[in-house]
Amino acid sequence: MGLDDITKKAQEFLADDKVKKALNSEQAEEASDKILGAVADAASKVTGGKFDEQIDGARKAADDKIGNQ
């Protein structure tokens, strides 16, 4: 199975109505918020809090792109 085949399968999967509904669910939103929060917290810890404003901005931008609320 080549990359084109995998890409086609992924596109078909994401086009399914049940998958679309699951990705736009409250549970998916909660999961993405939790993951983004954990990543932001880790980045803040690694940088000693020096870049918290930029990290928060990046987190918000990512959430705006992938979130549904």
PDB file of N, CA and C in Angstrom:
ATOM      1  N   MET A   1       0.861  -1.174   0.000  1.00  0.00           N
ATOM      2  CA  MET A   1       0.000   0.000   0.000  1.00  0.00           C
ATOM      3  C   MET A   1       0.902   1.229   0.000  1.00  0.00           C
ATOM      4  N   GLY A   2       0.721   2.072  -1.011  1.00  0.00           N
ATOM      5  CA  GLY A   2       1.531   3.269  -1.142  1.00  0.00           C
ATOM      6  C   GLY A   2       0.924   4.456  -0.404  1.00  0.00           C
ATOM      7  N   LEU A   3       1.661   5.533  -0.397  1.00  0.00           N
ATOM      8  CA  LEU A   3       1.213   6.755   0.268  1.00  0.00           C
ATOM      9  C   LEU A   3      -0.087   7.280  -0.333  1.00  0.00           C
ATOM     10  N   ASP A   4      -0.220   7.172  -1.638  1.00  0.00           N
ATOM     11  CA  ASP A   4      -1.467   7.627  -2.288  1.00  0.00           C
ATOM     12  C   ASP A   4      -2.665   6.818  -1.801  1.00  0.00           C
ATOM     13  N   ASP A   5      -2.469   5.505  -1.637  1.00  0.00           N
ATOM     14  CA  ASP A   5      -3.549   4.644  -1.146  1.00  0.00           C
ATOM     15  C   ASP A   5      -3.937   5.015   0.282  1.00  0.00           C
ATOM     16  N   ILE A   6      -2.930   5.260   1.101  1.00  0.00           N
ATOM     17  CA  ILE A   6      -3.180   5.623   2.501  1.00  0.00           C
ATOM     18  C   ILE A   6      -3.908   6.962   2.567  1.00  0.00           C
ATOM     19  N   THR A   7      -3.470   7.906   1.743  1.00  0.00           N
ATOM     20  CA  THR A   7      -4.113   9.229   1.713  1.00  0.00           C
ATOM     21  C   THR A   7      -5.570   9.107   1.288  1.00  0.00           C
ATOM     22  N   LYS A   8      -5.833   8.301   0.270  1.00  0.00           N
ATOM     23  CA  LYS A   8      -7.204   8.111  -0.205  1.00  0.00           C
ATOM     24  C   LYS A   8      -8.075   7.490   0.876  1.00  0.00           C
ATOM     25  N   LYS A   9      -7.550   6.483   1.569  1.00  0.00           N
ATOM     26  CA  LYS A   9      -8.299   5.832   2.658  1.00  0.00           C
ATOM     27  C   LYS A   9      -8.593   6.830   3.772  1.00  0.00           C
ATOM     28  N   ALA A  10      -7.611   7.655   4.104  1.00  0.00           N
ATOM     29  CA  ALA A  10      -7.808   8.651   5.154  1.00  0.00           C
ATOM     30  C   ALA A  10      -8.871   9.662   4.749  1.00  0.00           C
ATOM     31  N   GLN A  11      -8.854  10.091   3.510  1.00  0.00           N
ATOM     32  CA  GLN A  11      -9.856  11.046   3.031  1.00  0.00           C
ATOM     33  C   GLN A  11     -11.253  10.436   3.062  1.00  0.00           C
ATOM     34  N   GLU A  12     -11.356   9.174   2.653  1.00  0.00           N
ATOM     35  CA  GLU A  12     -12.652   8.495   2.693  1.00  0.00           C
ATOM     36  C   GLU A  12     -13.147   8.371   4.128  1.00  0.00           C
ATOM     37  N   PHE A  13     -12.238   8.043   5.036  1.00  0.00           N
ATOM     38  CA  PHE A  13     -12.588   7.916   6.450  1.00  0.00           C
ATOM     39  C   PHE A  13     -13.110   9.241   6.998  1.00  0.00           C
ATOM     40  N   LEU A  14     -12.393  10.316   6.710  1.00  0.00           N
ATOM     41  CA  LEU A  14     -12.775  11.632   7.235  1.00  0.00           C
ATOM     42  C   LEU A  14     -14.047  12.175   6.584  1.00  0.00           C
ATOM     43  N   ALA A  15     -14.406  11.670   5.418  1.00  0.00           N
ATOM     44  CA  ALA A  15     -15.618  12.127   4.735  1.00  0.00           C
ATOM     45  C   ALA A  15     -16.878  11.437   5.262  1.00  0.00           C
ATOM     46  N   ASP A  16     -16.711  10.364   6.014  1.00  0.00           N
ATOM     47  CA  ASP A  16     -17.853   9.621   6.554  1.00  0.00           C
ATOM     48  C   ASP A  16     -18.631  10.490   7.543  1.00  0.00           C
ATOM     49  N   ASP A  17     -19.947  10.502   7.425  1.00  0.00           N
ATOM     50  CA  ASP A  17     -20.786  11.337   8.296  1.00  0.00           C
ATOM     51  C   ASP A  17     -20.617  11.004   9.773  1.00  0.00           C
ATOM     52  N   LYS A  18     -20.477   9.726  10.099  1.00  0.00           N
ATOM     53  CA  LYS A  18     -20.299   9.330  11.505  1.00  0.00           C
ATOM     54  C   LYS A  18     -18.988   9.872  12.054  1.00  0.00           C
ATOM     55  N   VAL A  19     -17.948   9.847  11.244  1.00  0.00           N
ATOM     56  CA  VAL A  19     -16.636  10.362  11.670  1.00  0.00           C
ATOM     57  C   VAL A  19     -16.711  11.877  11.842  1.00  0.00           C
ATOM     58  N   LYS A  20     -17.350  12.561  10.894  1.00  0.00           N
ATOM     59  CA  LYS A  20     -17.496  14.017  11.004  1.00  0.00           C
ATOM     60  C   LYS A  20     -18.224  14.388  12.297  1.00  0.00           C
ATOM     61  N   LYS A  21     -19.285  13.653  12.588  1.00  0.00           N
ATOM     62  CA  LYS A  21     -20.061  13.921  13.800  1.00  0.00           C
ATOM     63  C   LYS A  21     -19.203  13.706  15.049  1.00  0.00           C
ATOM     64  N   ALA A  22     -18.432  12.627  15.062  1.00  0.00           N
ATOM     65  CA  ALA A  22     -17.575  12.337  16.222  1.00  0.00           C
ATOM     66  C   ALA A  22     -16.502  13.402  16.396  1.00  0.00           C
ATOM     67  N   LEU A  23     -15.919  13.862  15.291  1.00  0.00           N
ATOM     68  CA  LEU A  23     -14.871  14.877  15.375  1.00  0.00           C
ATOM     69  C   LEU A  23     -15.403  16.231  15.830  1.00  0.00           C
ATOM     70  N   ASN A  24     -16.681  16.470  15.611  1.00  0.00           N
ATOM     71  CA  ASN A  24     -17.285  17.737  16.021  1.00  0.00           C
ATOM     72  C   ASN A  24     -18.043  17.621  17.340  1.00  0.00           C
ATOM     73  N   SER A  25     -17.843  16.536  18.050  1.00  0.00           N
ATOM     74  CA  SER A  25     -18.560  16.313  19.299  1.00  0.00           C
ATOM     75  C   SER A  25     -17.923  17.063  20.461  1.00  0.00           C
ATOM     76  N   GLU A  26     -18.673  17.169  21.529  1.00  0.00           N
ATOM     77  CA  GLU A  26     -18.180  17.797  22.757  1.00  0.00           C
ATOM     78  C   GLU A  26     -16.984  17.009  23.306  1.00  0.00           C
ATOM     79  N   GLN A  27     -17.023  15.681  23.171  1.00  0.00           N
ATOM     80  CA  GLN A  27     -15.915  14.849  23.661  1.00  0.00           C
ATOM     81  C   GLN A  27     -14.627  15.149  22.898  1.00  0.00           C
ATOM     82  N   ALA A  28     -14.722  15.335  21.595  1.00  0.00           N
ATOM     83  CA  ALA A  28     -13.539  15.662  20.799  1.00  0.00           C
ATOM     84  C   ALA A  28     -13.010  17.037  21.191  1.00  0.00           C
ATOM     85  N   GLU A  29     -13.911  17.975  21.430  1.00  0.00           N
ATOM     86  CA  GLU A  29     -13.506  19.317  21.860  1.00  0.00           C
ATOM     87  C   GLU A  29     -12.781  19.259  23.201  1.00  0.00           C
ATOM     88  N   GLU A  30     -13.320  18.489  24.130  1.00  0.00           N
ATOM     89  CA  GLU A  30     -12.689  18.346  25.437  1.00  0.00           C
ATOM     90  C   GLU A  30     -11.314  17.707  25.316  1.00  0.00           C
ATOM     91  N   ALA A  31     -11.196  16.705  24.456  1.00  0.00           N
ATOM     92  CA  ALA A  31      -9.912  16.023  24.270  1.00  0.00           C
ATOM     93  C   ALA A  31      -8.882  16.974  23.675  1.00  0.00           C
ATOM     94  N   SER A  32      -9.281  17.740  22.656  1.00  0.00           N
ATOM     95  CA  SER A  32      -8.324  18.662  22.038  1.00  0.00           C
ATOM     96  C   SER A  32      -7.919  19.753  23.026  1.00  0.00           C
ATOM     97  N   ASP A  33      -8.855  20.245  23.821  1.00  0.00           N
ATOM     98  CA  ASP A  33      -8.522  21.253  24.835  1.00  0.00           C
ATOM     99  C   ASP A  33      -7.541  20.696  25.864  1.00  0.00           C
ATOM    100  N   LYS A  34      -7.761  19.464  26.267  1.00  0.00           N
ATOM    101  CA  LYS A  34      -6.888  18.829  27.254  1.00  0.00           C
ATOM    102  C   LYS A  34      -5.469  18.649  26.698  1.00  0.00           C
ATOM    103  N   ILE A  35      -5.379  18.192  25.454  1.00  0.00           N
ATOM    104  CA  ILE A  35      -4.071  17.990  24.828  1.00  0.00           C
ATOM    105  C   ILE A  35      -3.351  19.317  24.646  1.00  0.00           C
ATOM    106  N   LEU A  36      -4.055  20.320  24.138  1.00  0.00           N
ATOM    107  CA  LEU A  36      -3.429  21.629  23.949  1.00  0.00           C
ATOM    108  C   LEU A  36      -2.977  22.227  25.284  1.00  0.00           C
ATOM    109  N   GLY A  37      -3.777  22.028  26.317  1.00  0.00           N
ATOM    110  CA  GLY A  37      -3.399  22.513  27.642  1.00  0.00           C
ATOM    111  C   GLY A  37      -2.147  21.840  28.163  1.00  0.00           C
ATOM    112  N   ALA A  38      -2.056  20.536  27.970  1.00  0.00           N
ATOM    113  CA  ALA A  38      -0.883  19.792  28.431  1.00  0.00           C
ATOM    114  C   ALA A  38       0.373  20.228  27.681  1.00  0.00           C
ATOM    115  N   VAL A  39       0.237  20.429  26.382  1.00  0.00           N
ATOM    116  CA  VAL A  39       1.385  20.874  25.583  1.00  0.00           C
ATOM    117  C   VAL A  39       1.813  22.282  26.015  1.00  0.00           C
ATOM    118  N   ALA A  40       0.857  23.169  26.217  1.00  0.00           N
ATOM    119  CA  ALA A  40       1.172  24.528  26.651  1.00  0.00           C
ATOM    120  C   ALA A  40       1.843  24.518  28.026  1.00  0.00           C
ATOM    121  N   ASP A  41       1.339  23.709  28.933  1.00  0.00           N
ATOM    122  CA  ASP A  41       1.941  23.610  30.264  1.00  0.00           C
ATOM    123  C   ASP A  41       3.374  23.095  30.182  1.00  0.00           C
ATOM    124  N   ALA A  42       3.597  22.090  29.342  1.00  0.00           N
ATOM    125  CA  ALA A  42       4.944  21.536  29.188  1.00  0.00           C
ATOM    126  C   ALA A  42       5.887  22.583  28.600  1.00  0.00           C
ATOM    127  N   ALA A  43       5.416  23.316  27.589  1.00  0.00           N
ATOM    128  CA  ALA A  43       6.246  24.356  26.977  1.00  0.00           C
ATOM    129  C   ALA A  43       6.578  25.447  27.988  1.00  0.00           C
ATOM    130  N   SER A  44       5.620  25.816  28.797  1.00  0.00           N
ATOM    131  CA  SER A  44       5.843  26.832  29.824  1.00  0.00           C
ATOM    132  C   SER A  44       6.872  26.355  30.842  1.00  0.00           C
ATOM    133  N   LYS A  45       6.764  25.112  31.230  1.00  0.00           N
ATOM    134  CA  LYS A  45       7.693  24.543  32.210  1.00  0.00           C
ATOM    135  C   LYS A  45       9.113  24.511  31.650  1.00  0.00           C
ATOM    136  N   VAL A  46       9.235  24.079  30.395  1.00  0.00           N
ATOM    137  CA  VAL A  46      10.551  23.981  29.758  1.00  0.00           C
ATOM    138  C   VAL A  46      11.195  25.355  29.622  1.00  0.00           C
ATOM    139  N   THR A  47      10.387  26.363  29.332  1.00  0.00           N
ATOM    140  CA  THR A  47      10.929  27.714  29.123  1.00  0.00           C
ATOM    141  C   THR A  47      10.970  28.536  30.405  1.00  0.00           C
ATOM    142  N   GLY A  48      10.590  27.931  31.500  1.00  0.00           N
ATOM    143  CA  GLY A  48      10.617  28.649  32.773  1.00  0.00           C
ATOM    144  C   GLY A  48       9.608  29.776  32.844  1.00  0.00           C
ATOM    145  N   GLY A  49       8.562  29.696  32.049  1.00  0.00           N
ATOM    146  CA  GLY A  49       7.520  30.717  32.070  1.00  0.00           C
ATOM    147  C   GLY A  49       7.872  31.993  31.324  1.00  0.00           C
ATOM    148  N   LYS A  50       9.042  32.034  30.699  1.00  0.00           N
ATOM    149  CA  LYS A  50       9.492  33.246  30.019  1.00  0.00           C
ATOM    150  C   LYS A  50       8.645  33.601  28.798  1.00  0.00           C
ATOM    151  N   PHE A  51       8.006  32.610  28.206  1.00  0.00           N
ATOM    152  CA  PHE A  51       7.281  32.838  26.969  1.00  0.00           C
ATOM    153  C   PHE A  51       5.805  32.489  27.096  1.00  0.00           C
ATOM    154  N   ASP A  52       5.269  32.632  28.283  1.00  0.00           N
ATOM    155  CA  ASP A  52       3.878  32.244  28.519  1.00  0.00           C
ATOM    156  C   ASP A  52       2.892  32.981  27.617  1.00  0.00           C
ATOM    157  N   GLU A  53       3.145  34.248  27.358  1.00  0.00           N
ATOM    158  CA  GLU A  53       2.233  35.014  26.502  1.00  0.00           C
ATOM    159  C   GLU A  53       2.215  34.449  25.083  1.00  0.00           C
ATOM    160  N   GLN A  54       3.396  34.119  24.555  1.00  0.00           N
ATOM    161  CA  GLN A  54       3.478  33.550  23.215  1.00  0.00           C
ATOM    162  C   GLN A  54       2.884  32.143  23.185  1.00  0.00           C
ATOM    163  N   ILE A  55       3.127  31.369  24.234  1.00  0.00           N
ATOM    164  CA  ILE A  55       2.586  30.013  24.315  1.00  0.00           C
ATOM    165  C   ILE A  55       1.066  30.059  24.352  1.00  0.00           C
ATOM    166  N   ASP A  56       0.520  30.976  25.155  1.00  0.00           N
ATOM    167  CA  ASP A  56      -0.941  31.111  25.224  1.00  0.00           C
ATOM    168  C   ASP A  56      -1.519  31.517  23.870  1.00  0.00           C
ATOM    169  N   GLY A  57      -0.822  32.392  23.161  1.00  0.00           N
ATOM    170  CA  GLY A  57      -1.267  32.808  21.832  1.00  0.00           C
ATOM    171  C   GLY A  57      -1.254  31.649  20.845  1.00  0.00           C
ATOM    172  N   ALA A  58      -0.203  30.844  20.905  1.00  0.00           N
ATOM    173  CA  ALA A  58      -0.102  29.689  20.019  1.00  0.00           C
ATOM    174  C   ALA A  58      -1.180  28.663  20.357  1.00  0.00           C
ATOM    175  N   ARG A  59      -1.432  28.484  21.654  1.00  0.00           N
ATOM    176  CA  ARG A  59      -2.473  27.542  22.063  1.00  0.00           C
ATOM    177  C   ARG A  59      -3.843  27.995  21.548  1.00  0.00           C
ATOM    178  N   LYS A  60      -4.121  29.287  21.684  1.00  0.00           N
ATOM    179  CA  LYS A  60      -5.404  29.817  21.217  1.00  0.00           C
ATOM    180  C   LYS A  60      -5.531  29.671  19.704  1.00  0.00           C
ATOM    181  N   ALA A  61      -4.459  29.967  18.986  1.00  0.00           N
ATOM    182  CA  ALA A  61      -4.490  29.849  17.528  1.00  0.00           C
ATOM    183  C   ALA A  61      -4.742  28.405  17.103  1.00  0.00           C
ATOM    184  N   ALA A  62      -4.078  27.471  17.771  1.00  0.00           N
ATOM    185  CA  ALA A  62      -4.274  26.061  17.453  1.00  0.00           C
ATOM    186  C   ALA A  62      -5.712  25.632  17.772  1.00  0.00           C
ATOM    187  N   ASP A  63      -6.220  26.073  18.918  1.00  0.00           N
ATOM    188  CA  ASP A  63      -7.581  25.720  19.304  1.00  0.00           C
ATOM    189  C   ASP A  63      -8.607  26.297  18.332  1.00  0.00           C
ATOM    190  N   ASP A  64      -8.344  27.507  17.860  1.00  0.00           N
ATOM    191  CA  ASP A  64      -9.248  28.126  16.887  1.00  0.00           C
ATOM    192  C   ASP A  64      -9.270  27.326  15.573  1.00  0.00           C
ATOM    193  N   LYS A  65      -8.153  26.738  15.206  1.00  0.00           N
ATOM    194  CA  LYS A  65      -8.071  25.972  13.953  1.00  0.00           C
ATOM    195  C   LYS A  65      -8.705  24.596  14.092  1.00  0.00           C
ATOM    196  N   ILE A  66      -8.496  23.927  15.231  1.00  0.00           N
ATOM    197  CA  ILE A  66      -8.970  22.546  15.359  1.00  0.00           C
ATOM    198  C   ILE A  66     -10.215  22.411  16.213  1.00  0.00           C
ATOM    199  N   GLY A  67     -10.502  23.399  17.025  1.00  0.00           N
ATOM    200  CA  GLY A  67     -11.661  23.309  17.905  1.00  0.00           C
ATOM    201  C   GLY A  67     -12.953  23.613  17.179  1.00  0.00           C
ATOM    202  N   ASN A  68     -14.057  23.250  17.832  1.00  0.00           N
ATOM    203  CA  ASN A  68     -15.358  23.539  17.234  1.00  0.00           C
ATOM    204  C   ASN A  68     -16.205  24.410  18.136  1.00  0.00           C
ATOM    205  N   GLN A  69     -15.593  24.937  19.187  1.00  0.00           N
ATOM    206  CA  GLN A  69     -16.318  25.842  20.092  1.00  0.00           C
ATOM    207  C   GLN A  69     -15.435  26.993  20.482  1.00  0.00           C
TER     208      GLN A  69
END
